[in-house]
């Protein structure tokens, strides 16, 4: 079965909450588990990008088994982009500060050739 990833930006750049907590907040806010029409890949499939110190880099990926379902969730997230999303917003020192700038778009993964070129481009 093929899958589609949604690129998510605007996550808090901090160590807490954990990947599982962020995923649970997104699930609750955007009705990922309960809406069977979107075909979310389920708990444990969300990838939150972190640095060496385990601080969130501000972005992550949600995975769906349906491009149509991914598009629905992108619309839900972007329709609420100016509003608060619980504890998903904030800074490295906390999560309830500021207004969330959560945005979503379809992920555009690099082709295998592009990855090889970019990994070898600085080695000469």
C-alpha atoms as a PDB file:
ATOM      1  CA  UNK A   1       0.000   0.000   0.000  1.00  0.00           C
ATOM      2  CA  UNK A   2       1.358   3.428  -0.887  1.00  0.00           C
ATOM      3  CA  UNK A   3       1.411   6.339   1.525  1.00  0.00           C
ATOM      4  CA  UNK A   4       1.508  10.118   1.488  1.00  0.00           C
ATOM      5  CA  UNK A   5       3.367  12.311   3.950  1.00  0.00           C
ATOM      6  CA  UNK A   6       2.222  15.734   5.103  1.00  0.00           C
ATOM      7  CA  UNK A   7       5.016  18.179   5.943  1.00  0.00           C
ATOM      8  CA  UNK A   8       4.107  20.070   9.104  1.00  0.00           C
ATOM      9  CA  UNK A   9       5.865  23.279  10.202  1.00  0.00           C
ATOM     10  CA  UNK A  10       5.407  25.576  13.180  1.00  0.00           C
ATOM     11  CA  UNK A  11       5.952  23.039  15.945  1.00  0.00           C
ATOM     12  CA  UNK A  12       7.547  24.230  19.152  1.00  0.00           C
ATOM     13  CA  UNK A  13      11.346  24.182  19.124  1.00  0.00           C
ATOM     14  CA  UNK A  14      11.869  22.443  22.439  1.00  0.00           C
ATOM     15  CA  UNK A  15      12.593  19.108  24.086  1.00  0.00           C
ATOM     16  CA  UNK A  16       9.111  18.725  25.600  1.00  0.00           C
ATOM     17  CA  UNK A  17       6.524  17.558  24.777  1.00  0.00           C
ATOM     18  CA  UNK A  18       7.631  14.177  23.468  1.00  0.00           C
ATOM     19  CA  UNK A  19       6.939  12.956  19.939  1.00  0.00           C
ATOM     20  CA  UNK A  20       4.066  10.854  21.292  1.00  0.00           C
ATOM     21  CA  UNK A  21       2.535  13.827  23.105  1.00  0.00           C
ATOM     22  CA  UNK A  22       2.759  16.026  20.000  1.00  0.00           C
ATOM     23  CA  UNK A  23       1.180  13.263  17.936  1.00  0.00           C
ATOM     24  CA  UNK A  24      -1.628  12.866  20.504  1.00  0.00           C
ATOM     25  CA  UNK A  25      -2.296  16.629  20.471  1.00  0.00           C
ATOM     26  CA  UNK A  26      -2.437  16.676  16.671  1.00  0.00           C
ATOM     27  CA  UNK A  27      -4.701  13.608  16.709  1.00  0.00           C
ATOM     28  CA  UNK A  28      -7.084  15.254  19.153  1.00  0.00           C
ATOM     29  CA  UNK A  29      -7.070  18.657  17.446  1.00  0.00           C
ATOM     30  CA  UNK A  30      -7.488  17.407  13.859  1.00  0.00           C
ATOM     31  CA  UNK A  31      -9.504  14.224  14.490  1.00  0.00           C
ATOM     32  CA  UNK A  32      -6.924  11.922  12.910  1.00  0.00           C
ATOM     33  CA  UNK A  33      -7.929   8.609  14.568  1.00  0.00           C
ATOM     34  CA  UNK A  34     -11.683   8.938  14.529  1.00  0.00           C
ATOM     35  CA  UNK A  35     -12.155  10.068  10.932  1.00  0.00           C
ATOM     36  CA  UNK A  36     -11.762   6.889   8.875  1.00  0.00           C
ATOM     37  CA  UNK A  37     -12.101   8.803   5.585  1.00  0.00           C
ATOM     38  CA  UNK A  38      -8.647  10.380   5.956  1.00  0.00           C
ATOM     39  CA  UNK A  39      -6.835   7.047   6.412  1.00  0.00           C
ATOM     40  CA  UNK A  40      -4.178   8.267   8.870  1.00  0.00           C
ATOM     41  CA  UNK A  41      -1.428   5.642   9.276  1.00  0.00           C
ATOM     42  CA  UNK A  42      -2.030   5.710  13.041  1.00  0.00           C
ATOM     43  CA  UNK A  43      -0.258   6.317  16.334  1.00  0.00           C
ATOM     44  CA  UNK A  44       3.494   5.898  16.202  1.00  0.00           C
ATOM     45  CA  UNK A  45       3.791   6.909  12.535  1.00  0.00           C
ATOM     46  CA  UNK A  46       4.297  10.649  13.048  1.00  0.00           C
ATOM     47  CA  UNK A  47       7.899  11.749  12.600  1.00  0.00           C
ATOM     48  CA  UNK A  48       9.018  14.799  14.602  1.00  0.00           C
ATOM     49  CA  UNK A  49      12.456  16.020  13.491  1.00  0.00           C
ATOM     50  CA  UNK A  50      14.840  16.703  16.393  1.00  0.00           C
ATOM     51  CA  UNK A  51      18.440  17.893  16.717  1.00  0.00           C
ATOM     52  CA  UNK A  52      21.316  16.235  18.626  1.00  0.00           C
ATOM     53  CA  UNK A  53      20.043  17.689  21.910  1.00  0.00           C
ATOM     54  CA  UNK A  54      16.554  16.198  21.270  1.00  0.00           C
ATOM     55  CA  UNK A  55      15.096  19.688  20.721  1.00  0.00           C
ATOM     56  CA  UNK A  56      12.332  19.738  18.117  1.00  0.00           C
ATOM     57  CA  UNK A  57      13.532  21.414  14.917  1.00  0.00           C
ATOM     58  CA  UNK A  58      10.064  22.905  14.360  1.00  0.00           C
ATOM     59  CA  UNK A  59       8.798  20.451  11.774  1.00  0.00           C
ATOM     60  CA  UNK A  60       7.594  16.919  11.301  1.00  0.00           C
ATOM     61  CA  UNK A  61       5.606  14.599   9.085  1.00  0.00           C
ATOM     62  CA  UNK A  62       2.185  12.956   9.344  1.00  0.00           C
ATOM     63  CA  UNK A  63       1.633   9.807   7.281  1.00  0.00           C
ATOM     64  CA  UNK A  64      -1.559   8.821   5.438  1.00  0.00           C
ATOM     65  CA  UNK A  65      -2.574   5.882   3.265  1.00  0.00           C
ATOM     66  CA  UNK A  66      -4.611   8.223   1.077  1.00  0.00           C
ATOM     67  CA  UNK A  67      -3.555  11.375  -0.782  1.00  0.00           C
ATOM     68  CA  UNK A  68      -7.149  12.571  -0.496  1.00  0.00           C
ATOM     69  CA  UNK A  69      -7.101  12.096   3.274  1.00  0.00           C
ATOM     70  CA  UNK A  70      -3.800  13.958   3.503  1.00  0.00           C
ATOM     71  CA  UNK A  71      -5.348  16.847   1.557  1.00  0.00           C
ATOM     72  CA  UNK A  72      -8.298  16.978   3.973  1.00  0.00           C
ATOM     73  CA  UNK A  73      -5.969  17.227   6.980  1.00  0.00           C
ATOM     74  CA  UNK A  74      -3.821  19.863   5.246  1.00  0.00           C
ATOM     75  CA  UNK A  75      -6.969  21.949   4.796  1.00  0.00           C
ATOM     76  CA  UNK A  76      -7.934  21.458   8.461  1.00  0.00           C
ATOM     77  CA  UNK A  77      -4.501  22.510   9.709  1.00  0.00           C
ATOM     78  CA  UNK A  78      -4.137  25.495   7.392  1.00  0.00           C
ATOM     79  CA  UNK A  79      -7.695  26.697   8.105  1.00  0.00           C
ATOM     80  CA  UNK A  80      -6.699  27.000  11.779  1.00  0.00           C
ATOM     81  CA  UNK A  81      -3.167  28.309  11.147  1.00  0.00           C
ATOM     82  CA  UNK A  82      -3.694  31.551  13.059  1.00  0.00           C
ATOM     83  CA  UNK A  83      -5.288  29.929  16.077  1.00  0.00           C
ATOM     84  CA  UNK A  84      -3.871  28.244  19.139  1.00  0.00           C
ATOM     85  CA  UNK A  85      -3.219  24.507  19.007  1.00  0.00           C
ATOM     86  CA  UNK A  86      -2.959  23.645  22.681  1.00  0.00           C
ATOM     87  CA  UNK A  87       0.562  22.852  23.783  1.00  0.00           C
ATOM     88  CA  UNK A  88       1.950  22.436  20.276  1.00  0.00           C
ATOM     89  CA  UNK A  89       2.911  26.112  20.142  1.00  0.00           C
ATOM     90  CA  UNK A  90       5.613  27.938  22.059  1.00  0.00           C
ATOM     91  CA  UNK A  91       9.350  28.298  22.323  1.00  0.00           C
ATOM     92  CA  UNK A  92      12.226  26.272  23.749  1.00  0.00           C
ATOM     93  CA  UNK A  93      11.318  27.491  27.212  1.00  0.00           C
ATOM     94  CA  UNK A  94       7.622  26.634  27.095  1.00  0.00           C
ATOM     95  CA  UNK A  95       4.576  25.705  25.086  1.00  0.00           C
ATOM     96  CA  UNK A  96       1.724  28.016  25.917  1.00  0.00           C
ATOM     97  CA  UNK A  97       3.439  31.171  24.734  1.00  0.00           C
ATOM     98  CA  UNK A  98       2.554  32.907  21.508  1.00  0.00           C
ATOM     99  CA  UNK A  99       0.280  32.025  18.656  1.00  0.00           C
ATOM    100  CA  UNK A 100       0.753  28.862  16.677  1.00  0.00           C
ATOM    101  CA  UNK A 101       2.007  29.211  13.143  1.00  0.00           C
ATOM    102  CA  UNK A 102       1.208  25.618  12.283  1.00  0.00           C
ATOM    103  CA  UNK A 103       1.187  25.011   8.524  1.00  0.00           C
ATOM    104  CA  UNK A 104       0.893  21.883   6.427  1.00  0.00           C
ATOM    105  CA  UNK A 105       1.612  20.880   2.841  1.00  0.00           C
ATOM    106  CA  UNK A 106       2.183  17.682   0.895  1.00  0.00           C
ATOM    107  CA  UNK A 107       5.705  16.430   1.389  1.00  0.00           C
ATOM    108  CA  UNK A 108       7.840  16.360  -1.730  1.00  0.00           C
ATOM    109  CA  UNK A 109      10.508  13.705  -1.070  1.00  0.00           C
ATOM    110  CA  UNK A 110      13.802  13.891  -2.938  1.00  0.00           C
ATOM    111  CA  UNK A 111      14.393  11.368  -5.674  1.00  0.00           C
ATOM    112  CA  UNK A 112      17.194   8.847  -5.085  1.00  0.00           C
ATOM    113  CA  UNK A 113      19.460  10.583  -7.627  1.00  0.00           C
ATOM    114  CA  UNK A 114      19.019  13.968  -5.904  1.00  0.00           C
ATOM    115  CA  UNK A 115      19.961  12.491  -2.512  1.00  0.00           C
ATOM    116  CA  UNK A 116      23.144  10.953  -3.939  1.00  0.00           C
ATOM    117  CA  UNK A 117      24.127  14.230  -5.641  1.00  0.00           C
ATOM    118  CA  UNK A 118      23.567  16.330  -2.512  1.00  0.00           C
ATOM    119  CA  UNK A 119      25.401  13.900  -0.225  1.00  0.00           C
ATOM    120  CA  UNK A 120      28.445  13.797  -2.500  1.00  0.00           C
ATOM    121  CA  UNK A 121      28.527  17.437  -3.579  1.00  0.00           C
ATOM    122  CA  UNK A 122      30.726  18.733  -0.746  1.00  0.00           C
ATOM    123  CA  UNK A 123      33.208  15.870  -0.560  1.00  0.00           C
ATOM    124  CA  UNK A 124      35.720  16.988  -3.209  1.00  0.00           C
END
